[in-house]
Amino acid sequence: MANIARTDLASEAARLWRDSAGETGELQGVKAGEEHLNGFSVSAVEILNELGEQALGKSRGRYYTLELPSRFERGAEDFPSAAQAISSLIARCADLSSCANFLIAALGNPDITPDALGPLAASNIIVTRHLKKSAPEQFKAFRTSALCRTGVLGTTGIESAIQIKTLCNELKPDCVIAVDALAGADVSRLCRTVQICGTGISPGSGVGNDREALNQESLGVPVIALGMPTVIDAGIIANQQGLQSMFVTPRDIDSSVRSAGRLIGYGINLALHPGLTVADIDMLVG
């Protein structure tokens, strides 16, 4: 049974499936659980096989959803703990100890606020590839990281997947980390949750604009995807036909997506460079 509401979050897709099936259906091929990490609630959904893929419309693998506090800007007391929680979940999605070279792909349109999560996260990412080449001794404590802001097809004329594939062929990363805005199906989760998974990402899928997927099959290396839901299908809120092509976003989307970009960027930095602290990152990214 397929869920009718669009969502990029595996945890929401599982809930929607169960709600639509009621007591008559059993969600096979999917394992779900909850835990607390650094004081935050984390839901985990693991899609085990083809049955799970068909039920939820997502690739098999583990999906983690981190529930954030109401305030998570840099000055918030919980910010360091939240960034560390993101770092820990990233580390669960791939064997980072065997990776020395990373490519971060910032997906999305910087000119459309709800879609600007990737570009805003990119502004908080520490890139070291050029530094390790020019001064290897001074930067030996850092892993090699490079960053690509892909833009969107409408403004570049180039699919994000083509850009990332080309860079993978040239840079030979051990792992790709992609950041993109997502679509959700629950108003309470908008700009309040971060999904982290090791299955890659299909840019635009949540708003019905599917582009070529970024995953291990297409790129040849593990792909960790991070995202936050910033929009919801208007038809879900109003429960009216004809609104499925419209999307709603929170009124404070500007500040929320800016704070989220910083939090996700810091989480990636902590995962890639374990010796750093949040205070260190403050000094390095400004």
Protein backbone atom coordinates (compact mmCIF):
# COMPACT_ATOMS: atom_id res chain seq x y z
CA MET A 1 0.00 0.00 0.00
CA ALA A 2 1.55 3.32 -1.02
CA ASN A 3 1.22 6.44 1.08
CA ILE A 4 -0.45 9.37 -0.67
CA ALA A 5 1.36 12.25 1.02
CA ARG A 6 4.72 13.30 -0.32
CA THR A 7 7.55 13.14 2.16
CA ASP A 8 11.29 12.67 1.98
CA LEU A 9 11.43 11.47 5.60
CA ALA A 10 11.50 7.71 6.02
CA SER A 11 10.07 7.99 9.54
CA GLU A 12 7.06 9.91 8.21
CA ALA A 13 6.61 7.50 5.31
CA ALA A 14 6.47 4.58 7.76
CA ARG A 15 3.90 6.37 9.92
CA LEU A 16 1.77 7.32 6.92
CA TRP A 17 1.82 3.72 5.70
CA ARG A 18 0.67 2.44 9.07
CA ASP A 19 -2.04 5.11 9.32
CA SER A 20 -3.40 4.22 5.89
CA ALA A 21 -3.25 0.47 6.55
CA GLY A 22 -4.86 0.69 9.99
CA GLU A 23 -4.96 -2.52 11.96
CA THR A 24 -5.32 -4.65 8.82
CA GLY A 25 -1.82 -4.15 7.46
CA GLU A 26 1.65 -5.08 8.62
CA LEU A 27 4.67 -3.15 7.40
CA GLN A 28 6.97 -5.89 6.19
CA GLY A 29 10.60 -5.37 5.27
CA VAL A 30 10.97 -2.40 7.60
CA LYS A 31 12.42 -2.18 11.10
CA ALA A 32 11.88 0.93 13.21
CA GLY A 33 13.07 2.10 16.60
CA GLU A 34 13.78 5.14 18.77
CA GLU A 35 16.65 6.23 20.99
CA HIS A 36 18.08 9.27 22.71
CA LEU A 37 21.40 10.72 21.61
CA ASN A 38 23.08 13.64 23.37
CA GLY A 39 19.72 14.46 24.91
CA PHE A 40 17.83 14.45 21.60
CA SER A 41 15.22 12.03 20.30
CA VAL A 42 16.31 9.99 17.27
CA SER A 43 14.05 7.72 15.24
CA ALA A 44 15.66 5.02 13.10
CA VAL A 45 14.03 3.31 10.14
CA GLU A 46 15.80 0.47 8.38
CA ILE A 47 14.44 -0.72 5.04
CA LEU A 48 15.51 -4.34 4.80
CA ASN A 49 14.35 -5.59 1.42
CA GLU A 50 12.26 -4.99 -1.68
CA LEU A 51 9.01 -5.21 0.28
CA GLY A 52 10.14 -2.32 2.45
CA GLU A 53 11.29 -0.35 -0.58
CA GLN A 54 7.90 -0.74 -2.24
CA ALA A 55 5.97 0.15 0.91
CA LEU A 56 7.87 3.35 1.68
CA GLY A 57 9.08 4.30 -1.80
CA LYS A 58 12.68 4.57 -0.61
CA SER A 59 15.92 2.66 -1.11
CA ARG A 60 16.92 0.02 1.40
CA GLY A 61 19.23 1.13 4.17
CA ARG A 62 19.15 3.03 7.48
CA TYR A 63 17.51 6.42 7.91
CA TYR A 64 17.97 8.46 11.09
CA THR A 65 15.76 11.40 12.02
CA LEU A 66 17.05 13.76 14.70
CA GLU A 67 14.43 15.85 16.52
CA LEU A 68 15.76 19.34 17.24
CA PRO A 69 14.86 21.75 20.05
CA SER A 70 12.71 24.77 19.26
CA ARG A 71 15.82 26.96 19.14
CA PHE A 72 19.02 25.74 17.53
CA GLU A 73 20.80 28.90 16.38
CA ARG A 74 24.50 29.15 17.20
CA GLY A 75 23.90 30.95 20.50
CA ALA A 76 21.51 28.30 21.79
CA GLU A 77 22.73 26.22 24.72
CA ASP A 78 21.95 22.96 22.91
CA PHE A 79 23.76 23.85 19.67
CA PRO A 80 27.05 22.03 20.42
CA SER A 81 25.21 18.89 21.54
CA ALA A 82 22.99 18.95 18.45
CA ALA A 83 25.99 19.37 16.15
CA GLN A 84 27.73 16.46 17.87
CA ALA A 85 24.60 14.32 17.52
CA ILE A 86 24.59 14.99 13.76
CA SER A 87 28.27 14.08 13.65
CA SER A 88 27.62 10.79 15.44
CA LEU A 89 24.78 9.87 13.08
CA ILE A 90 26.93 10.66 10.04
CA ALA A 91 29.53 8.25 11.40
CA ARG A 92 26.90 5.49 11.58
CA CYS A 93 26.13 5.80 7.88
CA ALA A 94 29.60 4.91 6.57
CA ASP A 95 32.96 3.71 7.86
CA LEU A 96 34.58 7.13 8.09
CA SER A 97 37.76 5.64 9.56
CA SER A 98 38.56 4.17 6.15
CA CYS A 99 37.87 7.48 4.34
CA ALA A 100 40.54 10.12 3.89
CA ASN A 101 39.09 12.14 1.02
CA PHE A 102 35.59 13.65 1.06
CA LEU A 103 33.48 15.58 -1.42
CA ILE A 104 30.60 17.60 0.00
CA ALA A 105 27.78 18.37 -2.45
CA ALA A 106 25.63 21.37 -1.52
CA LEU A 107 22.40 20.93 -3.48
CA GLY A 108 19.65 23.49 -3.98
CA ASN A 109 18.88 26.99 -5.17
CA PRO A 110 20.41 29.76 -3.04
CA ASP A 111 17.86 32.25 -4.42
CA ILE A 112 14.83 30.29 -3.15
CA THR A 113 14.86 30.42 0.65
CA PRO A 114 13.28 27.01 1.43
CA ASP A 115 15.66 25.40 -1.06
CA ALA A 116 18.79 27.16 0.20
CA LEU A 117 19.72 24.67 2.93
CA GLY A 118 22.58 23.14 0.94
CA PRO A 119 24.19 26.45 -0.07
CA LEU A 120 23.84 27.80 3.49
CA ALA A 121 25.41 24.67 4.94
CA ALA A 122 28.23 25.06 2.42
CA SER A 123 29.10 28.44 3.92
CA ASN A 124 29.90 26.64 7.19
CA ILE A 125 31.97 23.77 5.78
CA ILE A 126 35.73 23.62 6.30
CA VAL A 127 37.45 22.78 3.01
CA THR A 128 41.01 21.50 3.23
CA ARG A 129 41.98 19.93 -0.09
CA HIS A 130 43.96 22.94 -1.28
CA LEU A 131 45.51 23.49 2.16
CA LYS A 132 46.68 19.90 2.55
CA LYS A 133 48.30 20.12 -0.88
CA SER A 134 50.16 23.34 -0.16
CA ALA A 135 50.97 22.80 3.53
CA PRO A 136 50.56 19.10 4.35
CA GLU A 137 52.41 19.20 7.67
CA GLN A 138 50.38 22.07 9.09
CA PHE A 139 47.08 20.42 8.14
CA LYS A 140 47.89 16.75 8.70
CA ALA A 141 45.31 16.56 11.50
CA PHE A 142 42.54 17.31 8.99
CA ARG A 143 40.98 14.98 6.46
CA THR A 144 40.86 16.10 2.85
CA SER A 145 37.57 17.80 2.02
CA ALA A 146 36.34 19.60 -1.08
CA LEU A 147 33.02 21.31 -1.70
CA CYS A 148 30.73 21.79 -4.69
CA ARG A 149 27.71 24.09 -4.84
CA THR A 150 25.76 22.48 -7.65
CA GLY A 151 23.01 25.04 -8.09
CA VAL A 152 19.90 23.79 -9.88
CA LEU A 153 19.27 22.67 -13.44
CA GLY A 154 17.18 25.75 -14.26
CA THR A 155 20.08 28.13 -13.57
CA THR A 156 23.09 26.00 -14.57
CA GLY A 157 21.74 23.83 -17.38
CA ILE A 158 23.67 20.94 -15.84
CA GLU A 159 22.23 18.13 -13.74
CA SER A 160 23.65 17.99 -10.23
CA ALA A 161 24.45 14.31 -10.76
CA ILE A 162 26.60 15.11 -13.80
CA GLN A 163 28.57 17.71 -11.84
CA ILE A 164 29.17 15.35 -8.94
CA LYS A 165 30.08 12.42 -11.19
CA THR A 166 32.63 14.57 -13.02
CA LEU A 167 34.17 15.72 -9.76
CA CYS A 168 34.27 12.16 -8.42
CA ASN A 169 36.17 11.06 -11.52
CA GLU A 170 38.67 13.88 -11.02
CA LEU A 171 39.03 14.04 -7.21
CA LYS A 172 38.53 10.34 -6.41
CA PRO A 173 36.77 10.89 -3.05
CA ASP A 174 36.28 7.99 -0.67
CA CYS A 175 32.85 9.31 0.30
CA VAL A 176 30.35 11.94 -0.86
CA ILE A 177 28.23 13.89 1.61
CA ALA A 178 25.17 15.58 0.09
CA VAL A 179 23.04 18.27 1.75
CA ASP A 180 19.63 19.26 0.43
CA ALA A 181 16.29 20.67 1.55
CA LEU A 182 13.51 18.10 1.89
CA ALA A 183 9.72 17.98 1.80
CA GLY A 184 7.77 16.76 4.81
CA ALA A 185 4.25 15.63 5.64
CA ASP A 186 3.98 16.90 9.23
CA VAL A 187 3.90 20.62 10.00
CA SER A 188 5.50 20.07 13.41
CA ARG A 189 8.61 18.63 11.75
CA LEU A 190 9.26 21.51 9.36
CA CYS A 191 12.66 23.01 10.14
CA ARG A 192 12.76 20.92 13.32
CA THR A 193 14.24 17.61 12.16
CA VAL A 194 17.35 16.45 10.33
CA GLN A 195 17.35 13.22 8.35
CA ILE A 196 20.69 11.47 7.88
CA CYS A 197 21.07 8.34 5.79
CA GLY A 198 23.66 6.32 3.91
CA THR A 199 21.45 5.60 0.91
CA GLY A 200 22.10 8.77 -1.08
CA ILE A 201 19.49 11.22 -2.31
CA SER A 202 17.25 11.98 -5.29
CA PRO A 203 17.21 15.80 -5.60
CA GLY A 204 13.72 17.26 -5.97
CA SER A 205 11.85 14.02 -5.30
CA GLY A 206 9.81 15.41 -2.43
CA VAL A 207 8.28 18.16 -4.59
CA GLY A 208 7.67 15.98 -7.63
CA ASN A 209 10.73 17.15 -9.54
CA ASP A 210 12.85 14.00 -9.52
CA ARG A 211 16.39 14.33 -10.83
CA GLU A 212 19.04 11.65 -11.22
CA ALA A 213 19.88 10.02 -7.90
CA LEU A 214 23.17 10.51 -6.10
CA ASN A 215 24.05 7.16 -4.53
CA GLN A 216 26.76 4.52 -4.44
CA GLU A 217 25.45 2.93 -7.62
CA SER A 218 25.70 6.16 -9.62
CA LEU A 219 28.90 7.57 -8.08
CA GLY A 220 30.83 4.44 -7.14
CA VAL A 221 31.46 5.56 -3.54
CA PRO A 222 29.30 5.72 -0.39
CA VAL A 223 26.92 8.68 -0.33
CA ILE A 224 25.69 10.11 2.97
CA ALA A 225 22.72 12.45 2.66
CA LEU A 226 21.61 15.08 5.15
CA GLY A 227 18.45 17.10 4.84
CA MET A 228 15.79 19.03 6.67
CA PRO A 229 12.12 19.36 5.65
CA THR A 230 11.42 22.99 4.78
CA VAL A 231 8.16 22.66 2.82
CA ILE A 232 4.93 20.67 3.06
CA ASP A 233 2.31 19.88 0.44
CA ALA A 234 -0.52 22.41 0.85
CA GLY A 235 -3.07 19.68 0.20
CA ILE A 236 -2.04 17.91 3.41
CA ILE A 237 -2.79 20.98 5.52
CA ALA A 238 -6.01 22.09 3.81
CA ASN A 239 -7.18 18.58 2.92
CA GLN A 240 -8.41 19.87 -0.41
CA GLN A 241 -8.01 18.53 -3.91
CA GLY A 242 -6.14 20.70 -6.38
CA LEU A 243 -3.56 21.96 -3.90
CA GLN A 244 -1.02 19.20 -4.54
CA SER A 245 1.09 21.49 -6.74
CA MET A 246 1.39 24.10 -3.99
CA PHE A 247 3.78 24.00 -1.06
CA VAL A 248 3.77 25.79 2.28
CA THR A 249 6.79 26.84 4.30
CA PRO A 250 7.12 28.36 7.81
CA ARG A 251 6.92 32.13 8.08
CA ASP A 252 10.31 32.24 9.83
CA ILE A 253 11.93 30.19 7.07
CA ASP A 254 14.73 32.73 6.55
CA SER A 255 16.15 32.44 10.06
CA SER A 256 15.31 28.74 10.38
CA VAL A 257 17.08 27.62 7.23
CA ARG A 258 20.07 29.83 8.04
CA SER A 259 20.39 28.27 11.51
CA ALA A 260 19.87 24.79 10.07
CA GLY A 261 22.57 25.33 7.47
CA ARG A 262 25.01 26.31 10.18
CA LEU A 263 24.09 23.39 12.42
CA ILE A 264 24.42 20.83 9.62
CA GLY A 265 27.68 22.38 8.43
CA TYR A 266 29.13 22.17 11.94
CA GLY A 267 27.95 18.57 12.27
CA ILE A 268 29.73 17.63 9.05
CA ASN A 269 32.91 19.36 10.19
CA LEU A 270 32.89 17.47 13.50
CA ALA A 271 32.40 14.16 11.68
CA LEU A 272 35.18 14.75 9.15
CA HIS A 273 37.69 16.28 11.55
CA PRO A 274 37.23 14.52 14.93
CA GLY A 275 39.80 16.63 16.77
CA LEU A 276 37.81 19.83 16.32
CA THR A 277 35.41 21.43 18.78
CA VAL A 278 32.50 23.75 18.02
CA ALA A 279 34.61 26.66 19.27
CA ASP A 280 37.39 25.67 16.85
CA ILE A 281 34.91 25.67 13.98
CA ASP A 282 33.70 29.13 15.01
CA MET A 283 37.20 30.46 14.45
CA LEU A 284 37.74 28.61 11.17
CA VAL A 285 34.49 29.46 9.38
CA GLY A 286 33.94 32.90 10.90
